[in-house]
Amino acid sequence: WASCTQHPAGGYKKIFETCGELNEPIPAIVVGVIPEWLSGSLLRLGPGLFEVGAEPFYHLFDGQALMHKFDLKNGHVTYYRKFVKTDAYVRAMTEKRVVITEFGTAAYPDPCKNIFSRFFTYFKGIEVTDNCLVNVYPVGEDFYACTETNYITKVDPDTLETLKKVDLCDYLSVNGVTAHPHIESDGTVYNLGNCFGKNMSLAYNIVKIPPTQKDKSDPIAKSKVLVQIPSSERFKPSYVHSFGMTENYFVFVETPIKINLLKFLTAWSIWGTNYMDCFESNETMGTWFHLAMKDPAKYIEHKFRTSAFNLFHHINSYEDDGFIVVDLCTWKGHEFVYNYLYLANLRENWEEVKKAAMRAPQPEVRRYVLPIDEKQGKNLISLPYTTATAVMRSDGTIWLEPEVLFSGPRQAFEFPQINYSKFSGKNYSYAYGLGLNHFIPDRICKLNVKTKETWVWQEPDSYPSEPIFVQTPDSVEEDDGVLLSIVVNPGADQRPGYLLILNARDLTEIARAEVEVIIPVTFHGMYKP
């Protein structure tokens, strides 16, 4: 980690460029030998269209959703990609302009309309984007691509066709849900969303979608709110990107990155405001941790507090001896990390990219430990293996200090993955992640959360994506399996994009499957056996 890799050639700019979809799957050239048991599809999402005609998208989370698929079968591999035919995409293509406001790009009124029709369009209110560029996950027998709004999009994992747009507001009182649901082995889905309810009271709702129904009806129609978590501030919910779940508890971390609802609801359609304009930092609250019990579902009134950080990804959480251990990818301070993810920043030359990252919040992998039962006074944590502390203060709040699991200047361990099917919510040893070097993804990492040992896979001028763990059939060890990542080497003479298969044990290469196209950045995805 110390020998900080440089990228003076700026090849990373290529992963933020528009590409076309494919008419049919293309064969990949395999180097090495793919394990014969590895038969399935890697599905991933990210932006693929970075401008519409002459109008650019400005933020990393604005480009139109492109779904990617690597199919593995009998040692052979194909690659396929299609744009998700969302309303945002279809209308942009039809009108050749940005029609729906995205995260960091405002859509302006149709220049062809006169002032009267524009005035009446304004009264229809906010059109929320359905640009599902963040993740894809199973609900019952179905698969949904998602962003963080109330719209999710049903897709066909085989043909990559877009099937239907679903508005979660039709079923649940939430304004949106995260792109990081927790899914139990029976298929039950849990998620978390903001809700501004009656009398302008603000809460976070944990929702539950049951597994496949006997009568084959849509599980989403049977979804319900399990438990409400109060907001620290009346008109300002915190931005929430993921949450933690153990066998018996939910963990919600309320950060000081706030959404100013009044700004959101008033300035929106008048001033060409976008989502990014509605964020602000609360410089005094620090960070609050909340616990809720799963069954029976109820909020636990403990007031956990710690210093300010941004949080996007929970790694894992588990219970141990009356404590809840919570492992997180944090960014220190209350300034919003997304301020640094405008495409103009990410497309800068390397020296400029480095300069910007010097000013940004610093990444750190942290372990917090929350006592389930309150006691007075000095450190309440008696787990022998952690230096994390919790202290009851005179005002009744419990102050938390973390154990640092990994820290390197401007080197983030992000987009974390674990052996989810066997170790989600349980005491575990290994996390896998994408290493961000001044925000540029340039390595795949493994972290032993118990010993802090790290492993790294890296190649010059190569830009990987989030590594997804697939366990070996009948595996015994937690790290017995492979990691799948999409890597781009834009400067390669031929076949610049490839699926990389690593041994999860030691991050040595097992095989790669190379294709003749560049593959833009992807955020999250899944392996479908």
Protein backbone atom coordinates (compact mmCIF):
# COMPACT_ATOMS: atom_id res chain seq x y z
CA TRP A 1 0.00 0.00 0.00
CA ALA A 2 2.88 2.33 0.82
CA SER A 3 4.39 2.27 -2.67
CA CYS A 4 1.69 4.61 -3.93
CA THR A 5 0.92 3.85 -7.56
CA GLN A 6 0.81 6.78 -9.97
CA HIS A 7 -1.33 7.25 -13.09
CA PRO A 8 0.38 9.98 -15.09
CA ALA A 9 -0.95 8.60 -18.39
CA GLY A 10 -4.50 9.34 -17.23
CA GLY A 11 -5.96 6.13 -18.67
CA TYR A 12 -8.65 6.23 -15.97
CA LYS A 13 -10.41 9.00 -17.96
CA LYS A 14 -11.61 6.30 -20.35
CA ILE A 15 -13.86 4.66 -17.76
CA PHE A 16 -15.92 7.88 -17.68
CA GLU A 17 -16.68 7.91 -21.42
CA THR A 18 -19.89 7.07 -23.27
CA CYS A 19 -20.02 3.68 -24.97
CA GLY A 20 -22.58 1.91 -27.12
CA GLU A 21 -24.67 -1.09 -26.14
CA LEU A 22 -24.13 -4.46 -27.86
CA ASN A 23 -26.60 -6.10 -30.24
CA GLU A 24 -25.68 -9.56 -29.02
CA PRO A 25 -23.27 -11.16 -26.54
CA ILE A 26 -19.65 -11.19 -27.76
CA PRO A 27 -17.22 -14.05 -27.06
CA ALA A 28 -14.30 -13.39 -24.71
CA ILE A 29 -10.81 -14.80 -25.05
CA VAL A 30 -9.92 -16.77 -21.92
CA VAL A 31 -6.39 -16.70 -20.51
CA GLY A 32 -5.86 -19.31 -17.79
CA VAL A 33 -8.45 -21.89 -16.78
CA ILE A 34 -11.88 -21.05 -15.42
CA PRO A 35 -12.97 -23.42 -12.59
CA GLU A 36 -15.51 -25.86 -14.04
CA TRP A 37 -17.93 -25.25 -11.15
CA LEU A 38 -18.13 -21.54 -11.99
CA SER A 39 -21.25 -21.43 -14.10
CA GLY A 40 -23.45 -18.35 -14.00
CA SER A 41 -23.63 -14.63 -14.71
CA LEU A 42 -21.91 -11.59 -13.28
CA LEU A 43 -24.42 -8.72 -13.51
CA ARG A 44 -23.24 -5.14 -12.95
CA LEU A 45 -24.56 -1.59 -13.28
CA GLY A 46 -23.04 1.80 -13.89
CA PRO A 47 -23.30 4.86 -16.10
CA GLY A 48 -22.80 4.34 -19.86
CA LEU A 49 -24.11 7.53 -21.46
CA PHE A 50 -22.36 10.65 -20.18
CA GLU A 51 -24.04 13.26 -22.39
CA VAL A 52 -27.22 13.66 -24.43
CA GLY A 53 -26.45 15.45 -27.68
CA ALA A 54 -24.66 18.63 -26.64
CA GLU A 55 -25.84 18.45 -23.01
CA PRO A 56 -23.41 16.86 -20.56
CA PHE A 57 -24.16 15.03 -17.36
CA TYR A 58 -22.03 16.57 -14.62
CA HIS A 59 -21.81 14.03 -11.81
CA LEU A 60 -20.55 10.44 -11.52
CA PHE A 61 -24.08 9.37 -10.53
CA ASP A 62 -25.85 11.04 -13.49
CA GLY A 63 -24.85 8.99 -16.55
CA GLN A 64 -27.61 6.75 -17.91
CA ALA A 65 -27.81 3.21 -16.52
CA LEU A 66 -25.96 0.53 -18.49
CA MET A 67 -26.30 -3.10 -17.46
CA HIS A 68 -23.37 -5.46 -18.04
CA LYS A 69 -23.28 -9.24 -18.04
CA PHE A 70 -20.45 -11.74 -18.21
CA ASP A 71 -21.79 -15.26 -18.75
CA LEU A 72 -19.58 -18.18 -17.66
CA LYS A 73 -20.30 -21.70 -18.85
CA ASN A 74 -18.09 -24.76 -19.45
CA GLY A 75 -14.96 -22.61 -19.35
CA HIS A 76 -16.31 -20.22 -22.00
CA VAL A 77 -17.24 -16.59 -21.44
CA THR A 78 -19.39 -14.02 -23.24
CA TYR A 79 -19.93 -10.34 -22.54
CA TYR A 80 -23.13 -8.39 -23.17
CA ARG A 81 -24.45 -4.94 -22.27
CA LYS A 82 -27.65 -2.97 -22.73
CA PHE A 83 -28.92 0.40 -21.56
CA VAL A 84 -31.78 0.08 -19.12
CA LYS A 85 -34.78 1.61 -20.93
CA THR A 86 -35.82 3.86 -18.05
CA ASP A 87 -38.10 6.86 -18.52
CA ALA A 88 -35.04 9.07 -18.02
CA TYR A 89 -33.18 7.28 -20.85
CA VAL A 90 -36.05 6.86 -23.30
CA ARG A 91 -37.19 10.47 -22.98
CA ALA A 92 -33.64 11.78 -23.28
CA MET A 93 -33.13 9.77 -26.46
CA THR A 94 -36.48 10.92 -27.87
CA GLU A 95 -36.02 14.61 -27.10
CA LYS A 96 -32.22 14.63 -27.54
CA ARG A 97 -31.77 16.56 -24.28
CA VAL A 98 -31.65 15.93 -20.54
CA VAL A 99 -35.36 15.64 -19.66
CA ILE A 100 -35.29 14.32 -16.08
CA THR A 101 -33.11 15.94 -13.44
CA GLU A 102 -30.33 13.60 -12.29
CA PHE A 103 -28.25 13.63 -9.11
CA GLY A 104 -25.93 16.45 -10.17
CA THR A 105 -27.47 17.63 -13.47
CA ALA A 106 -30.60 19.78 -13.67
CA ALA A 107 -33.04 19.30 -16.53
CA TYR A 108 -34.35 22.55 -17.94
CA PRO A 109 -37.87 23.15 -19.25
CA ASP A 110 -38.49 22.17 -22.84
CA PRO A 111 -37.30 25.16 -24.89
CA CYS A 112 -40.04 24.43 -27.44
CA LYS A 113 -42.84 25.08 -24.98
CA ASN A 114 -44.27 28.54 -24.44
CA ILE A 115 -44.35 30.24 -21.06
CA PHE A 116 -47.90 29.04 -20.29
CA SER A 117 -47.29 25.34 -20.80
CA ARG A 118 -44.01 25.65 -18.88
CA PHE A 119 -45.91 27.27 -16.01
CA PHE A 120 -48.40 24.40 -15.89
CA THR A 121 -45.70 21.76 -16.16
CA TYR A 122 -44.15 23.29 -13.06
CA PHE A 123 -47.30 22.62 -11.07
CA LYS A 124 -47.11 18.91 -11.81
CA GLY A 125 -44.24 18.99 -9.36
CA ILE A 126 -40.99 17.09 -9.16
CA GLU A 127 -40.28 14.35 -11.62
CA VAL A 128 -37.99 11.99 -9.77
CA THR A 129 -35.40 10.06 -11.76
CA ASP A 130 -35.66 6.31 -12.34
CA ASN A 131 -32.06 6.10 -13.65
CA CYS A 132 -31.15 2.79 -11.95
CA LEU A 133 -27.36 2.91 -12.32
CA VAL A 134 -26.29 1.71 -8.87
CA ASN A 135 -27.11 -1.95 -8.23
CA VAL A 136 -29.20 -5.00 -9.14
CA TYR A 137 -30.74 -7.46 -6.67
CA PRO A 138 -33.26 -10.31 -6.53
CA VAL A 139 -36.78 -9.99 -5.11
CA GLY A 140 -38.55 -13.34 -5.14
CA GLU A 141 -38.05 -14.73 -8.66
CA ASP A 142 -37.46 -11.27 -10.13
CA PHE A 143 -34.47 -8.97 -10.56
CA TYR A 144 -34.50 -5.21 -10.03
CA ALA A 145 -32.00 -2.55 -11.04
CA CYS A 146 -32.02 0.40 -8.67
CA THR A 147 -30.78 3.80 -7.68
CA GLU A 148 -31.84 5.49 -4.42
CA THR A 149 -35.23 6.94 -5.36
CA ASN A 150 -38.71 5.41 -5.06
CA TYR A 151 -38.38 3.85 -8.53
CA ILE A 152 -36.86 0.44 -9.14
CA THR A 153 -36.76 -1.23 -12.56
CA LYS A 154 -37.51 -4.88 -13.20
CA VAL A 155 -35.00 -6.36 -15.65
CA ASP A 156 -34.47 -9.73 -17.31
CA PRO A 157 -31.08 -11.09 -16.16
CA ASP A 158 -30.77 -13.27 -19.29
CA THR A 159 -31.68 -10.87 -22.10
CA LEU A 160 -31.00 -7.64 -20.14
CA GLU A 161 -34.37 -6.38 -21.34
CA THR A 162 -36.19 -3.76 -19.30
CA LEU A 163 -39.50 -5.19 -18.06
CA LYS A 164 -41.21 -2.56 -15.90
CA LYS A 165 -40.85 0.49 -13.73
CA VAL A 166 -42.06 -0.02 -10.15
CA ASP A 167 -42.95 2.86 -7.82
CA LEU A 168 -42.34 1.73 -4.24
CA CYS A 169 -44.59 4.56 -3.03
CA ASP A 170 -47.51 2.47 -4.32
CA TYR A 171 -46.75 -0.10 -1.61
CA LEU A 172 -44.82 1.62 1.19
CA SER A 173 -44.54 4.97 2.93
CA VAL A 174 -40.99 5.75 1.88
CA ASN A 175 -39.56 8.48 -0.33
CA GLY A 176 -36.87 6.17 -1.58
CA VAL A 177 -34.85 3.18 -0.41
CA THR A 178 -31.14 2.39 -0.48
CA ALA A 179 -29.44 0.46 -3.26
CA HIS A 180 -28.07 -1.90 -0.58
CA PRO A 181 -30.84 -4.14 0.73
CA HIS A 182 -30.01 -7.06 3.02
CA ILE A 183 -31.24 -10.40 1.73
CA GLU A 184 -31.70 -13.45 3.95
CA SER A 185 -31.13 -17.03 2.79
CA ASP A 186 -34.88 -17.59 2.34
CA GLY A 187 -35.11 -14.56 0.06
CA THR A 188 -36.57 -12.06 2.55
CA VAL A 189 -35.42 -8.54 1.62
CA TYR A 190 -34.86 -5.74 4.16
CA ASN A 191 -34.21 -2.14 3.19
CA LEU A 192 -34.14 1.34 4.69
CA GLY A 193 -35.64 4.57 3.40
CA ASN A 194 -36.39 8.16 4.37
CA CYS A 195 -39.98 9.01 5.04
CA PHE A 196 -41.47 12.42 5.67
CA GLY A 197 -44.81 11.50 7.06
CA LYS A 198 -47.79 13.14 8.68
CA ASN A 199 -47.45 16.52 10.41
CA MET A 200 -44.03 16.83 8.74
CA SER A 201 -42.53 14.34 11.18
CA LEU A 202 -39.44 12.78 9.75
CA ALA A 203 -38.28 9.21 10.18
CA TYR A 204 -36.29 6.43 8.62
CA ASN A 205 -38.33 3.34 7.87
CA ILE A 206 -36.97 -0.20 7.80
CA VAL A 207 -39.03 -2.16 5.29
CA LYS A 208 -39.43 -5.88 4.74
CA ILE A 209 -40.30 -7.62 1.46
CA PRO A 210 -41.23 -11.28 1.99
CA PRO A 211 -39.71 -14.13 -0.08
CA THR A 212 -41.37 -15.74 -3.12
CA GLN A 213 -45.09 -16.23 -2.48
CA LYS A 214 -46.72 -19.67 -2.72
CA ASP A 215 -49.33 -18.28 -5.11
CA LYS A 216 -46.52 -16.73 -7.23
CA SER A 217 -47.91 -13.21 -6.58
CA ASP A 218 -45.51 -10.26 -6.45
CA PRO A 219 -43.74 -10.12 -3.05
CA ILE A 220 -43.41 -6.33 -3.36
CA ALA A 221 -47.20 -6.04 -3.04
CA LYS A 222 -46.85 -7.71 0.39
CA SER A 223 -44.06 -5.45 1.65
CA LYS A 224 -44.44 -3.52 4.90
CA VAL A 225 -42.71 -1.07 7.21
CA LEU A 226 -41.23 -2.97 10.16
CA VAL A 227 -39.87 -0.24 12.37
CA GLN A 228 -39.34 3.52 12.42
CA ILE A 229 -36.10 5.19 13.46
CA PRO A 230 -36.39 8.86 14.52
CA SER A 231 -34.46 11.62 12.76
CA SER A 232 -31.96 13.76 14.66
CA GLU A 233 -33.33 16.87 12.95
CA ARG A 234 -36.93 17.73 12.17
CA PHE A 235 -36.72 18.94 8.55
CA LYS A 236 -33.40 17.43 7.61
CA PRO A 237 -32.96 13.70 7.12
CA SER A 238 -29.44 12.36 6.81
CA TYR A 239 -28.29 10.86 3.54
CA VAL A 240 -28.35 7.06 3.90
CA HIS A 241 -26.64 4.70 1.47
CA SER A 242 -26.59 1.39 3.38
CA PHE A 243 -27.30 -0.10 6.80
CA GLY A 244 -26.19 -3.00 8.96
CA MET A 245 -28.07 -6.14 9.97
CA THR A 246 -27.10 -8.83 12.47
CA GLU A 247 -29.14 -11.92 13.35
CA ASN A 248 -31.37 -9.95 15.74
CA TYR A 249 -30.70 -6.25 15.12
CA PHE A 250 -30.63 -3.48 12.53
CA VAL A 251 -27.86 -0.90 12.73
CA PHE A 252 -28.46 2.54 11.26
CA VAL A 253 -25.70 5.16 11.22
CA GLU A 254 -27.03 8.72 10.97
CA THR A 255 -24.26 10.91 9.53
CA PRO A 256 -24.03 14.72 9.44
CA ILE A 257 -24.66 14.79 5.67
CA LYS A 258 -28.16 16.28 5.63
CA ILE A 259 -30.82 16.73 2.97
CA ASN A 260 -32.43 20.15 3.31
CA LEU A 261 -36.04 19.22 2.64
CA LEU A 262 -37.28 22.80 2.46
CA LYS A 263 -34.73 23.52 -0.26
CA PHE A 264 -35.58 20.22 -1.90
CA LEU A 265 -39.29 20.94 -2.02
CA THR A 266 -39.21 24.66 -2.93
CA ALA A 267 -36.21 25.47 -5.10
CA TRP A 268 -36.48 22.32 -7.18
CA SER A 269 -38.40 22.97 -10.34
CA ILE A 270 -38.01 26.73 -10.33
CA TRP A 271 -34.31 27.33 -10.19
CA GLY A 272 -32.91 24.36 -12.07
CA THR A 273 -31.87 22.76 -8.80
CA ASN A 274 -30.55 19.19 -8.69
CA TYR A 275 -30.22 16.70 -5.84
CA MET A 276 -26.63 17.70 -5.01
CA ASP A 277 -27.78 21.28 -4.33
CA CYS A 278 -29.99 20.06 -1.50
CA PHE A 279 -27.23 18.56 0.66
CA GLU A 280 -25.64 20.40 3.56
CA SER A 281 -23.42 19.45 6.48
CA ASN A 282 -24.41 19.67 10.12
CA GLU A 283 -21.11 20.74 11.64
CA THR A 284 -22.09 20.12 15.27
CA MET A 285 -24.02 16.84 15.55
CA GLY A 286 -21.18 14.39 14.88
CA THR A 287 -22.49 10.93 13.96
CA TRP A 288 -25.32 9.04 15.66
CA PHE A 289 -25.72 5.26 15.77
CA HIS A 290 -29.20 3.73 16.09
CA LEU A 291 -30.21 0.18 16.95
CA ALA A 292 -33.52 -1.54 16.32
CA MET A 293 -34.59 -5.06 17.21
CA LYS A 294 -35.71 -7.28 14.35
CA ASP A 295 -38.27 -9.56 15.96
CA PRO A 296 -40.29 -8.24 17.65
CA ALA A 297 -39.44 -5.11 15.65
CA LYS A 298 -38.76 -2.17 17.93
CA TYR A 299 -36.48 0.83 18.20
CA ILE A 300 -33.92 0.77 21.01
CA GLU A 301 -33.61 4.10 22.81
CA HIS A 302 -29.82 4.08 23.40
CA LYS A 303 -28.13 7.31 22.32
CA PHE A 304 -24.85 6.32 20.65
CA ARG A 305 -22.66 9.23 19.53
CA THR A 306 -19.29 9.65 17.86
CA SER A 307 -17.36 12.18 15.76
CA ALA A 308 -18.38 13.21 12.24
CA PHE A 309 -17.84 10.96 9.23
CA ASN A 310 -19.39 10.14 5.85
CA LEU A 311 -20.56 6.56 5.43
CA PHE A 312 -21.58 4.85 2.22
CA HIS A 313 -20.84 1.19 2.80
CA HIS A 314 -21.32 -1.08 5.78
CA ILE A 315 -18.94 -4.06 5.54
CA ASN A 316 -20.61 -6.38 8.08
CA SER A 317 -22.11 -6.37 11.58
CA TYR A 318 -22.51 -9.14 14.14
CA GLU A 319 -23.41 -9.81 17.78
CA ASP A 320 -20.88 -11.09 20.27
CA ASP A 321 -21.41 -11.54 24.00
CA GLY A 322 -23.84 -8.65 24.52
CA PHE A 323 -22.13 -6.35 22.01
CA ILE A 324 -22.74 -5.43 18.39
CA VAL A 325 -19.63 -5.16 16.24
CA VAL A 326 -20.06 -2.81 13.26
CA ASP A 327 -17.43 -2.62 10.51
CA LEU A 328 -17.61 0.41 8.21
CA CYS A 329 -15.87 2.15 5.31
CA THR A 330 -15.83 5.71 6.65
CA TRP A 331 -14.57 9.07 5.34
CA LYS A 332 -13.56 11.46 8.12
CA GLY A 333 -15.29 14.78 8.73
CA HIS A 334 -18.60 16.36 7.76
CA GLU A 335 -17.81 17.55 4.24
CA PHE A 336 -19.77 15.51 1.67
CA VAL A 337 -17.49 13.14 -0.27
CA TYR A 338 -19.80 13.34 -3.32
CA ASN A 339 -18.58 16.94 -3.80
CA TYR A 340 -15.40 15.36 -5.16
CA LEU A 341 -17.11 13.01 -7.60
CA TYR A 342 -18.03 15.43 -10.37
CA LEU A 343 -16.94 14.04 -13.72
CA ALA A 344 -14.84 17.13 -14.41
CA ASN A 345 -12.76 16.29 -11.29
CA LEU A 346 -12.41 12.60 -12.18
CA ARG A 347 -11.35 13.39 -15.76
CA GLU A 348 -8.57 15.77 -14.69
CA ASN A 349 -4.90 15.00 -15.24
CA TRP A 350 -3.29 12.91 -12.51
CA GLU A 351 -1.58 15.79 -10.70
CA GLU A 352 -4.91 17.64 -10.45
CA VAL A 353 -6.75 14.50 -9.32
CA LYS A 354 -4.18 14.11 -6.55
CA LYS A 355 -4.51 17.74 -5.47
CA ALA A 356 -8.29 17.49 -5.16
CA ALA A 357 -8.02 14.31 -3.07
CA MET A 358 -5.62 16.10 -0.70
CA ARG A 359 -8.46 18.46 0.28
CA ALA A 360 -11.14 15.78 0.50
CA PRO A 361 -12.25 13.77 3.56
CA GLN A 362 -9.83 10.93 4.33
CA PRO A 363 -10.95 7.30 4.13
CA GLU A 364 -10.62 4.82 6.99
CA VAL A 365 -11.95 1.33 7.68
CA ARG A 366 -13.30 1.35 11.24
CA ARG A 367 -14.79 -1.05 13.73
CA TYR A 368 -17.31 0.35 16.23
CA VAL A 369 -18.64 -1.74 19.10
CA LEU A 370 -22.05 -0.97 20.64
CA PRO A 371 -23.05 -2.36 24.03
CA ILE A 372 -26.61 -3.72 23.93
CA ASP A 373 -27.16 -3.14 27.66
CA GLU A 374 -26.45 0.28 29.17
CA LYS A 375 -24.13 0.58 32.13
CA GLN A 376 -22.59 3.66 33.74
CA GLY A 377 -19.11 5.00 33.46
CA LYS A 378 -15.83 3.88 31.94
CA ASN A 379 -15.32 1.70 28.88
CA LEU A 380 -18.31 -0.58 28.50
CA ILE A 381 -16.65 -2.87 25.94
CA SER A 382 -15.23 -6.09 27.34
CA LEU A 383 -14.54 -7.97 24.08
CA PRO A 384 -10.92 -9.12 24.36
CA TYR A 385 -10.08 -8.67 20.67
CA THR A 386 -10.96 -5.02 20.04
CA THR A 387 -9.65 -1.63 21.14
CA ALA A 388 -12.98 0.06 20.27
CA THR A 389 -14.54 1.77 23.28
CA ALA A 390 -17.95 2.96 24.46
CA VAL A 391 -18.33 5.31 27.43
CA MET A 392 -21.57 6.37 29.11
CA ARG A 393 -21.49 10.15 29.61
CA SER A 394 -23.32 12.16 32.26
CA ASP A 395 -25.94 13.36 29.75
CA GLY A 396 -26.97 9.76 29.06
CA THR A 397 -25.29 9.49 25.67
CA ILE A 398 -22.80 6.73 24.94
CA TRP A 399 -19.64 7.98 23.26
CA LEU A 400 -18.01 5.56 20.82
CA GLU A 401 -14.41 5.43 19.68
CA PRO A 402 -13.43 3.06 16.87
CA GLU A 403 -10.70 0.55 16.29
CA VAL A 404 -8.99 1.36 12.98
CA LEU A 405 -8.84 -1.71 10.73
CA PHE A 406 -7.19 -0.03 7.75
CA SER A 407 -5.93 3.48 7.05
CA GLY A 408 -3.72 4.84 4.29
CA PRO A 409 -3.48 8.47 3.13
CA ARG A 410 -5.95 8.94 0.22
CA GLN A 411 -6.03 5.16 -0.16
CA ALA A 412 -9.57 3.93 0.39
CA PHE A 413 -10.69 0.37 0.95
CA GLU A 414 -14.18 0.78 -0.56
CA PHE A 415 -17.02 -1.12 -2.27
CA PRO A 416 -16.60 -3.84 0.37
CA GLN A 417 -17.81 -7.41 -0.13
CA ILE A 418 -17.77 -10.47 2.11
CA ASN A 419 -18.71 -14.14 1.89
CA TYR A 420 -22.28 -12.86 2.26
CA SER A 421 -24.27 -16.09 2.03
CA LYS A 422 -22.41 -17.69 4.94
CA PHE A 423 -21.13 -14.77 7.03
CA SER A 424 -23.54 -11.85 6.70
CA GLY A 425 -24.53 -10.79 10.22
CA LYS A 426 -22.05 -13.25 11.75
CA ASN A 427 -18.57 -13.13 13.26
CA TYR A 428 -16.26 -13.15 10.22
CA SER A 429 -12.63 -12.66 9.22
CA TYR A 430 -12.35 -11.38 5.65
CA ALA A 431 -13.48 -8.36 3.68
CA TYR A 432 -12.71 -7.79 -0.01
CA GLY A 433 -12.71 -4.33 -1.51
CA LEU A 434 -11.83 -2.02 -4.37
CA GLY A 435 -8.81 0.15 -3.60
CA LEU A 436 -9.35 3.80 -4.50
CA ASN A 437 -6.15 5.76 -5.02
CA HIS A 438 -7.11 9.46 -4.80
CA PHE A 439 -10.63 8.32 -5.82
CA ILE A 440 -9.32 6.37 -8.84
CA PRO A 441 -9.97 2.58 -8.59
CA ASP A 442 -6.63 0.84 -9.20
CA ARG A 443 -6.43 -2.32 -7.06
CA ILE A 444 -8.36 -5.15 -5.48
CA CYS A 445 -7.78 -5.68 -1.79
CA LYS A 446 -8.44 -8.25 0.86
CA LEU A 447 -8.47 -7.39 4.56
CA ASN A 448 -8.34 -9.75 7.52
CA VAL A 449 -10.46 -7.79 10.00
CA LYS A 450 -9.09 -9.83 12.91
CA THR A 451 -5.34 -9.47 12.24
CA LYS A 452 -5.41 -6.42 9.89
CA GLU A 453 -3.34 -8.33 7.33
CA THR A 454 -3.89 -7.13 3.73
CA TRP A 455 -3.45 -8.60 0.27
CA VAL A 456 -3.45 -6.65 -3.01
CA TRP A 457 -3.93 -7.40 -6.70
CA GLN A 458 -2.79 -4.62 -8.98
CA GLU A 459 -1.51 -4.08 -12.53
CA PRO A 460 -0.17 -0.89 -14.12
CA ASP A 461 -2.77 1.35 -15.83
CA SER A 462 -5.56 -1.10 -15.01
CA TYR A 463 -8.81 -0.02 -13.38
CA PRO A 464 -10.85 -2.74 -11.64
CA SER A 465 -14.38 -2.68 -10.20
CA GLU A 466 -15.92 -3.92 -6.95
CA PRO A 467 -14.83 -7.55 -6.41
CA ILE A 468 -17.68 -10.01 -5.93
CA PHE A 469 -17.06 -13.14 -3.87
CA VAL A 470 -18.37 -16.48 -5.14
CA GLN A 471 -17.81 -19.42 -2.84
CA THR A 472 -16.51 -22.79 -3.99
CA PRO A 473 -19.19 -25.50 -3.76
CA ASP A 474 -18.88 -27.47 -0.48
CA SER A 475 -16.32 -24.94 0.79
CA VAL A 476 -15.17 -25.17 4.41
CA GLU A 477 -13.05 -22.04 4.86
CA GLU A 478 -14.57 -18.55 4.81
CA ASP A 479 -12.28 -17.44 1.97
CA ASP A 480 -12.58 -20.60 -0.11
CA GLY A 481 -13.82 -19.13 -3.38
CA VAL A 482 -13.08 -16.67 -6.18
CA LEU A 483 -13.41 -12.94 -6.69
CA LEU A 484 -14.93 -11.56 -9.89
CA SER A 485 -14.08 -8.05 -11.07
CA ILE A 486 -14.35 -6.16 -14.35
CA VAL A 487 -11.00 -4.57 -15.22
CA VAL A 488 -10.20 -2.01 -17.91
CA ASN A 489 -6.73 -1.37 -19.29
CA PRO A 490 -7.49 1.43 -21.77
CA GLY A 491 -3.93 1.58 -23.11
CA ALA A 492 -3.81 -2.11 -24.09
CA ASP A 493 -3.01 -2.83 -27.75
CA GLN A 494 -5.98 -5.17 -27.93
CA ARG A 495 -8.87 -6.34 -25.73
CA PRO A 496 -8.84 -3.50 -23.17
CA GLY A 497 -11.68 -4.87 -21.02
CA TYR A 498 -11.72 -8.16 -19.13
CA LEU A 499 -13.39 -10.21 -16.45
CA LEU A 500 -10.76 -11.03 -13.84
CA ILE A 501 -11.05 -14.16 -11.70
CA LEU A 502 -8.88 -14.21 -8.58
CA ASN A 503 -8.36 -16.82 -5.89
CA ALA A 504 -9.98 -15.25 -2.81
CA ARG A 505 -7.35 -16.91 -0.58
CA ASP A 506 -4.35 -14.88 -1.71
CA LEU A 507 -5.59 -12.74 -4.63
CA THR A 508 -3.56 -14.68 -7.19
CA GLU A 509 -4.96 -14.74 -10.71
CA ILE A 510 -6.86 -17.83 -11.84
CA ALA A 511 -8.05 -16.59 -15.22
CA ARG A 512 -9.18 -13.61 -17.24
CA ALA A 513 -11.68 -13.32 -20.08
CA GLU A 514 -10.80 -10.49 -22.44
CA VAL A 515 -13.08 -8.54 -24.81
CA GLU A 516 -12.47 -6.04 -27.62
CA VAL A 517 -14.38 -3.20 -25.96
CA ILE A 518 -13.75 -0.69 -23.20
CA ILE A 519 -16.12 -1.08 -20.28
CA PRO A 520 -17.03 2.08 -18.36
CA VAL A 521 -17.12 2.32 -14.56
CA THR A 522 -19.56 0.07 -12.71
CA PHE A 523 -20.67 0.47 -9.10
CA HIS A 524 -22.37 -2.65 -7.77
CA GLY A 525 -23.75 -5.94 -8.95
CA MET A 526 -24.25 -9.60 -8.18
CA TYR A 527 -23.37 -13.11 -9.24
CA LYS A 528 -26.32 -15.18 -10.39
CA PRO A 529 -25.52 -18.93 -10.39
